[in-house]
Amino acid sequence: MKRALVTVMAVATVGLLSGCGAESGQEAVDATEQGVLFGSEFAVSPTVISSPTLSSTFVAKPPRGELIGRDDPKGRGQFNSFDAHLSALGLATLKCKGFVDPDDYDGSNGVLKQRFEKCTKDEKQLEHIRNLLGIQNVSDLAARHMAGTWEQARKQFPRDQIKVCPAWDHSEVINPPTFETVKNLPSGGIGEEFNAFYVKSEICQGPRCAVAHAKMCSAGFGSRFFVDGNIETGKVIVDPVWWLDDSDFPPDANPFLSPGYYHAMSFYGAVPGSVYGAVHRAGEYCSKYYAGYHYKLRLKPLYCAPDWICMTECK
């Protein structure tokens, strides 16, 4: 499924890692960028490690919810839906630390684990990070994909050429969840919040190099995280989905409770789509896939340990 922002931003941005030379008027490519941009075989969008299957969400009979409609296989993306978790993890890490690095997490044992202990920017993101990683306690598919995607990117990362990852300075939020943006989202549309950052690196001479380094340093967050990068301004766009948003809305000010709205989770990525939401989204409507159809249900608390509600599940 193509994301609308890519079309909006396309006029203002230039593709990264294309192998083309600098255009007239751009700064010269420094030695680090020369090796990383044009000499590396690094895969910026890691191959899907595991494909979701219906076995992880199979139920004996159709869900007891409102039937939304029949699934259209041709109209949906085929990426792994757990990339939504990786993307949300990427944003939470940026809010926590102000930068991301391939050594922030470790997936070598088949489960993605956090390697840093505190946040230098926003301390409350630690709980959100812990909750996002907690989904691996209840889903082997999540653990395999999240750990495998991270490790593939980490092993391919050219540490000898990029010794320090760029700093990310938050600029703006595009399409945040509000009553207006929720109202304007088509029925069955994927609600996404785009966060813009300016990236700078102490080992780069200009924004072109910094954007390229930022993309490589954040590649472990999957195929849906890095949306766009402007090599002239150093502006980078990333993309978490609304159902993994960690905002605490008062009941009377929650746009996700607008009449008729539901998180179109079952339409996201390959079948059966996304199943798990942030713990903050409990009680909100969602969609669930079953045997070729989509049903409207609610997000309910999910225990990742006997005394730990880390996520919600559409059921």
Protein backbone atom coordinates (compact mmCIF):
# COMPACT_ATOMS: atom_id res chain seq x y z
CA MET A 1 0.00 0.00 0.00
CA LYS A 2 1.53 3.32 -1.00
CA ARG A 3 1.65 5.99 1.62
CA ALA A 4 0.20 9.37 0.70
CA LEU A 5 3.07 11.38 2.15
CA VAL A 6 5.56 9.93 -0.32
CA THR A 7 3.61 11.56 -3.14
CA VAL A 8 3.35 14.84 -1.27
CA MET A 9 7.06 14.97 -0.49
CA ALA A 10 8.32 13.66 -3.82
CA VAL A 11 8.62 17.09 -5.44
CA ALA A 12 10.76 18.39 -2.60
CA THR A 13 13.08 15.45 -2.18
CA VAL A 14 15.70 13.47 -4.07
CA GLY A 15 16.14 9.70 -3.72
CA LEU A 16 19.00 8.45 -1.59
CA LEU A 17 21.74 5.95 -2.37
CA SER A 18 20.97 6.09 -6.07
CA GLY A 19 24.56 5.97 -7.22
CA CYS A 20 24.23 9.27 -9.14
CA GLY A 21 26.78 12.07 -8.84
CA ALA A 22 26.10 15.36 -7.07
CA GLU A 23 24.09 17.83 -9.07
CA SER A 24 25.48 21.23 -9.97
CA GLY A 25 25.64 23.51 -6.94
CA GLN A 26 25.71 20.72 -4.33
CA GLU A 27 28.61 20.38 -1.93
CA ALA A 28 31.41 17.96 -2.77
CA VAL A 29 30.98 14.40 -1.48
CA ASP A 30 33.38 13.76 1.39
CA ALA A 31 35.52 10.64 1.69
CA THR A 32 33.16 8.91 4.13
CA GLU A 33 30.14 9.51 1.92
CA GLN A 34 32.01 8.38 -1.19
CA GLY A 35 32.52 4.93 0.27
CA VAL A 36 29.12 4.60 1.91
CA LEU A 37 26.87 6.07 -0.79
CA PHE A 38 28.50 4.70 -3.87
CA GLY A 39 30.76 1.82 -2.86
CA SER A 40 28.56 -0.10 -0.42
CA GLU A 41 26.31 -3.05 -1.16
CA PHE A 42 24.38 -2.36 2.03
CA ALA A 43 20.67 -3.25 1.75
CA VAL A 44 18.80 -0.20 3.03
CA SER A 45 15.48 -2.07 3.19
CA PRO A 46 16.19 -5.43 4.85
CA THR A 47 14.45 -8.40 3.31
CA VAL A 48 11.44 -9.63 5.26
CA ILE A 49 12.77 -12.27 7.61
CA SER A 50 9.52 -14.08 8.21
CA SER A 51 6.09 -13.78 6.65
CA PRO A 52 3.05 -13.65 8.94
CA THR A 53 0.65 -16.55 8.64
CA LEU A 54 -2.90 -17.14 9.74
CA SER A 55 -1.77 -19.75 12.23
CA SER A 56 -0.76 -17.03 14.69
CA THR A 57 -4.27 -15.55 14.78
CA PHE A 58 -6.45 -18.53 13.83
CA VAL A 59 -9.79 -18.88 15.61
CA ALA A 60 -12.28 -21.72 15.30
CA LYS A 61 -15.13 -19.48 14.08
CA PRO A 62 -15.51 -15.96 12.69
CA PRO A 63 -15.04 -13.11 15.17
CA ARG A 64 -18.19 -11.86 16.85
CA GLY A 65 -18.00 -8.39 15.40
CA GLU A 66 -19.38 -6.25 12.60
CA LEU A 67 -18.50 -7.55 9.13
CA ILE A 68 -16.66 -4.75 7.30
CA GLY A 69 -16.09 -6.37 3.93
CA ARG A 70 -14.23 -8.88 1.81
CA ASP A 71 -10.44 -8.71 1.49
CA ASP A 72 -8.85 -7.60 -1.77
CA PRO A 73 -5.44 -9.32 -2.10
CA LYS A 74 -4.44 -7.05 -4.98
CA GLY A 75 -5.05 -3.93 -2.95
CA ARG A 76 -2.77 -4.59 0.00
CA GLY A 77 0.95 -4.44 0.65
CA GLN A 78 2.99 -7.60 1.07
CA PHE A 79 5.46 -6.39 3.70
CA ASN A 80 5.57 -7.96 7.15
CA SER A 81 3.06 -6.25 9.45
CA PHE A 82 5.49 -6.38 12.39
CA ASP A 83 7.43 -3.64 10.61
CA ALA A 84 4.83 -1.39 12.26
CA HIS A 85 6.32 -2.35 15.63
CA LEU A 86 9.84 -1.73 14.41
CA SER A 87 8.84 1.65 13.03
CA ALA A 88 7.19 2.68 16.31
CA LEU A 89 10.29 1.42 18.14
CA GLY A 90 12.44 3.63 15.93
CA LEU A 91 10.44 6.77 16.76
CA ALA A 92 10.42 5.93 20.47
CA THR A 93 14.20 5.45 20.39
CA LEU A 94 14.69 8.82 18.68
CA LYS A 95 12.47 10.54 21.24
CA CYS A 96 14.41 8.77 23.99
CA LYS A 97 17.98 9.41 22.85
CA GLY A 98 17.99 11.91 19.99
CA PHE A 99 19.80 9.47 17.68
CA VAL A 100 19.74 5.82 16.65
CA ASP A 101 22.61 3.39 16.21
CA PRO A 102 22.87 -0.26 15.09
CA ASP A 103 24.23 -1.10 18.54
CA ASP A 104 21.09 0.20 20.33
CA TYR A 105 19.52 -3.27 20.25
CA ASP A 106 20.67 -6.88 20.05
CA GLY A 107 18.79 -9.62 18.22
CA SER A 108 21.55 -12.22 18.07
CA ASN A 109 19.67 -14.68 20.31
CA GLY A 110 16.42 -14.55 18.32
CA VAL A 111 14.73 -11.92 20.50
CA LEU A 112 15.29 -8.19 20.05
CA LYS A 113 16.63 -6.68 23.29
CA GLN A 114 17.42 -3.11 24.30
CA ARG A 115 21.07 -2.35 25.08
CA PHE A 116 20.79 1.19 26.51
CA GLU A 117 19.48 1.80 30.03
CA LYS A 118 18.26 5.41 30.08
CA CYS A 119 16.91 8.20 27.95
CA THR A 120 18.73 11.51 27.59
CA LYS A 121 15.71 13.22 25.97
CA ASP A 122 12.35 11.79 27.09
CA GLU A 123 12.49 9.30 29.95
CA LYS A 124 8.88 8.16 29.56
CA GLN A 125 9.78 6.56 26.22
CA LEU A 126 11.55 3.76 28.11
CA GLU A 127 8.20 2.26 29.10
CA HIS A 128 6.88 2.53 25.54
CA ILE A 129 10.04 0.84 24.22
CA ARG A 130 9.71 -1.95 26.79
CA ASN A 131 6.06 -2.48 25.82
CA LEU A 132 6.82 -2.59 22.09
CA LEU A 133 9.52 -5.18 22.67
CA GLY A 134 7.16 -7.11 24.94
CA ILE A 135 5.08 -8.33 22.00
CA GLN A 136 7.85 -10.88 21.43
CA ASN A 137 6.76 -12.60 24.66
CA VAL A 138 3.48 -13.65 23.05
CA SER A 139 4.38 -13.89 19.36
CA ASP A 140 7.23 -16.00 18.01
CA LEU A 141 6.59 -14.43 14.60
CA ALA A 142 7.23 -10.98 16.08
CA ALA A 143 10.45 -12.12 17.74
CA ARG A 144 11.78 -13.76 14.59
CA HIS A 145 11.01 -10.83 12.35
CA MET A 146 12.09 -8.04 14.69
CA ALA A 147 15.32 -9.71 15.79
CA GLY A 148 16.11 -11.01 12.30
CA THR A 149 15.52 -7.67 10.59
CA TRP A 150 17.67 -5.87 13.15
CA GLU A 151 20.54 -8.33 12.97
CA GLN A 152 20.58 -8.35 9.18
CA ALA A 153 20.91 -4.55 9.12
CA ARG A 154 23.47 -4.51 11.94
CA LYS A 155 25.72 -7.07 10.26
CA GLN A 156 25.64 -5.16 6.98
CA PHE A 157 26.29 -1.79 8.61
CA PRO A 158 29.69 -0.33 7.52
CA ARG A 159 31.00 0.58 10.98
CA ASP A 160 34.47 1.14 9.59
CA GLN A 161 33.09 3.99 7.48
CA ILE A 162 30.35 5.34 9.79
CA LYS A 163 31.91 5.48 13.26
CA VAL A 164 29.33 7.96 14.61
CA CYS A 165 25.64 8.07 13.67
CA PRO A 166 23.91 11.42 13.06
CA ALA A 167 21.92 13.39 15.63
CA TRP A 168 18.20 13.82 14.88
CA ASP A 169 16.49 17.11 15.82
CA HIS A 170 12.68 16.85 15.82
CA SER A 171 11.04 19.44 13.56
CA GLU A 172 7.32 18.75 13.16
CA VAL A 173 4.54 16.18 13.20
CA ILE A 174 2.63 15.72 9.93
CA ASN A 175 -0.84 14.17 10.02
CA PRO A 176 -1.08 13.71 13.80
CA PRO A 177 -4.22 12.00 15.11
CA THR A 178 -6.78 14.80 15.57
CA PHE A 179 -10.53 14.93 15.12
CA GLU A 180 -9.94 16.59 11.75
CA THR A 181 -7.37 14.09 10.41
CA VAL A 182 -9.43 11.15 11.65
CA LYS A 183 -12.53 12.58 9.96
CA ASN A 184 -10.65 13.01 6.67
CA LEU A 185 -9.26 9.46 6.63
CA PRO A 186 -11.19 7.25 4.18
CA SER A 187 -12.94 4.23 5.66
CA GLY A 188 -10.43 1.40 5.78
CA GLY A 189 -7.52 3.81 5.30
CA ILE A 190 -4.28 3.37 7.23
CA GLY A 191 -3.82 6.15 9.78
CA GLU A 192 -0.16 7.19 9.93
CA GLU A 193 1.68 9.98 11.73
CA PHE A 194 4.75 11.33 9.94
CA ASN A 195 7.51 12.83 12.08
CA ALA A 196 10.07 15.16 10.52
CA PHE A 197 13.63 15.53 11.80
CA TYR A 198 16.73 17.42 10.71
CA VAL A 199 19.81 15.22 10.81
CA LYS A 200 23.41 16.37 11.32
CA SER A 201 26.62 14.39 11.63
CA GLU A 202 29.99 15.42 13.00
CA ILE A 203 31.72 13.29 10.37
CA CYS A 204 29.82 14.73 7.40
CA GLN A 205 30.46 17.94 5.48
CA GLY A 206 26.84 18.48 4.53
CA PRO A 207 23.22 17.26 4.66
CA ARG A 208 23.58 14.82 1.77
CA CYS A 209 26.03 12.69 3.72
CA ALA A 210 24.06 13.08 6.98
CA VAL A 211 20.82 11.85 5.39
CA ALA A 212 22.57 8.82 3.88
CA HIS A 213 24.15 7.96 7.24
CA ALA A 214 20.82 8.43 9.05
CA LYS A 215 19.15 5.96 6.68
CA MET A 216 21.84 3.34 7.22
CA CYS A 217 21.97 3.84 10.99
CA SER A 218 18.19 3.34 11.23
CA ALA A 219 17.83 0.46 8.72
CA GLY A 220 17.20 -2.05 11.52
CA PHE A 221 13.79 -0.47 12.10
CA GLY A 222 12.42 -2.14 9.00
CA SER A 223 11.01 -1.24 5.61
CA ARG A 224 8.31 1.16 6.84
CA PHE A 225 10.34 3.46 9.11
CA PHE A 226 12.36 5.70 6.79
CA VAL A 227 9.88 7.40 4.45
CA ASP A 228 11.87 10.18 2.83
CA GLY A 229 15.01 12.28 3.08
CA ASN A 230 15.92 15.65 1.55
CA ILE A 231 19.63 15.72 0.70
CA GLU A 232 19.62 19.49 0.29
CA THR A 233 18.12 20.39 3.69
CA GLY A 234 18.87 17.30 5.77
CA LYS A 235 15.18 16.79 6.56
CA VAL A 236 14.13 13.19 7.18
CA ILE A 237 10.59 11.78 7.50
CA VAL A 238 9.69 8.65 9.50
CA ASP A 239 6.36 6.86 9.80
CA PRO A 240 4.68 5.06 12.71
CA VAL A 241 1.02 3.99 12.48
CA TRP A 242 -1.77 5.41 14.63
CA TRP A 243 -2.63 2.21 16.51
CA LEU A 244 0.87 2.18 18.03
CA ASP A 245 0.65 5.82 19.10
CA ASP A 246 1.42 6.24 22.81
CA SER A 247 -0.64 9.41 23.37
CA ASP A 248 -2.87 9.51 26.44
CA PHE A 249 -6.09 11.22 25.36
CA PRO A 250 -8.85 12.15 27.83
CA PRO A 251 -12.00 10.13 26.94
CA ASP A 252 -13.83 13.22 25.67
CA ALA A 253 -10.82 14.35 23.60
CA ASN A 254 -9.80 11.08 21.97
CA PRO A 255 -10.05 11.41 18.16
CA PHE A 256 -9.85 7.63 17.82
CA LEU A 257 -13.27 7.41 19.47
CA SER A 258 -14.88 9.46 16.69
CA PRO A 259 -18.09 7.83 15.40
CA GLY A 260 -17.40 5.34 12.63
CA TYR A 261 -13.61 5.32 13.02
CA TYR A 262 -11.61 2.12 13.46
CA HIS A 263 -7.90 1.32 13.18
CA ALA A 264 -7.66 -0.49 9.83
CA MET A 265 -5.08 -2.91 11.18
CA SER A 266 -6.13 -5.93 9.14
CA PHE A 267 -5.49 -4.00 5.91
CA TYR A 268 -1.84 -3.29 6.83
CA GLY A 269 0.78 -5.42 5.11
CA ALA A 270 0.51 -9.10 4.24
CA VAL A 271 -2.38 -11.22 5.54
CA PRO A 272 -3.51 -11.21 8.34
CA GLY A 273 -2.33 -7.62 8.77
CA SER A 274 -1.47 -6.06 12.10
CA VAL A 275 -3.08 -7.53 15.21
CA TYR A 276 -1.49 -5.67 18.15
CA GLY A 277 -1.80 -2.04 19.24
CA ALA A 278 -0.26 0.16 21.91
CA VAL A 279 -1.50 -0.29 25.45
CA HIS A 280 -2.82 3.30 25.28
CA ARG A 281 -5.27 2.30 22.53
CA ALA A 282 -7.34 -0.07 24.69
CA GLY A 283 -11.08 0.12 24.00
CA GLU A 284 -10.75 1.67 20.54
CA TYR A 285 -12.23 0.02 17.46
CA CYS A 286 -10.01 -1.99 15.11
CA SER A 287 -10.31 -4.38 12.19
CA LYS A 288 -9.36 -8.06 12.20
CA TYR A 289 -8.84 -10.44 9.27
CA TYR A 290 -10.48 -13.86 9.16
CA ALA A 291 -10.79 -16.24 6.17
CA GLY A 292 -10.92 -13.55 3.49
CA TYR A 293 -13.04 -11.02 5.40
CA HIS A 294 -12.49 -8.05 7.72
CA TYR A 295 -14.38 -7.62 10.99
CA LYS A 296 -14.75 -4.60 13.27
CA LEU A 297 -13.78 -5.42 16.86
CA ARG A 298 -12.05 -3.66 19.78
CA LEU A 299 -8.50 -3.48 21.08
CA LYS A 300 -8.33 -5.33 24.39
CA PRO A 301 -5.50 -5.50 26.97
CA LEU A 302 -2.84 -8.12 26.22
CA TYR A 303 -0.73 -9.68 28.99
CA CYS A 304 2.91 -10.21 28.04
CA ALA A 305 3.56 -11.59 31.54
CA PRO A 306 1.18 -12.44 34.40
CA ASP A 307 1.43 -8.92 35.87
CA TRP A 308 2.33 -6.97 32.73
CA ILE A 309 -0.11 -5.56 30.17
CA CYS A 310 2.28 -4.46 27.46
CA MET A 311 0.05 -4.19 24.39
CA THR A 312 -3.52 -4.49 23.17
CA GLU A 313 -4.94 -7.10 20.78
CA CYS A 314 -7.72 -6.68 18.22
CA LYS A 315 -10.25 -9.35 19.16
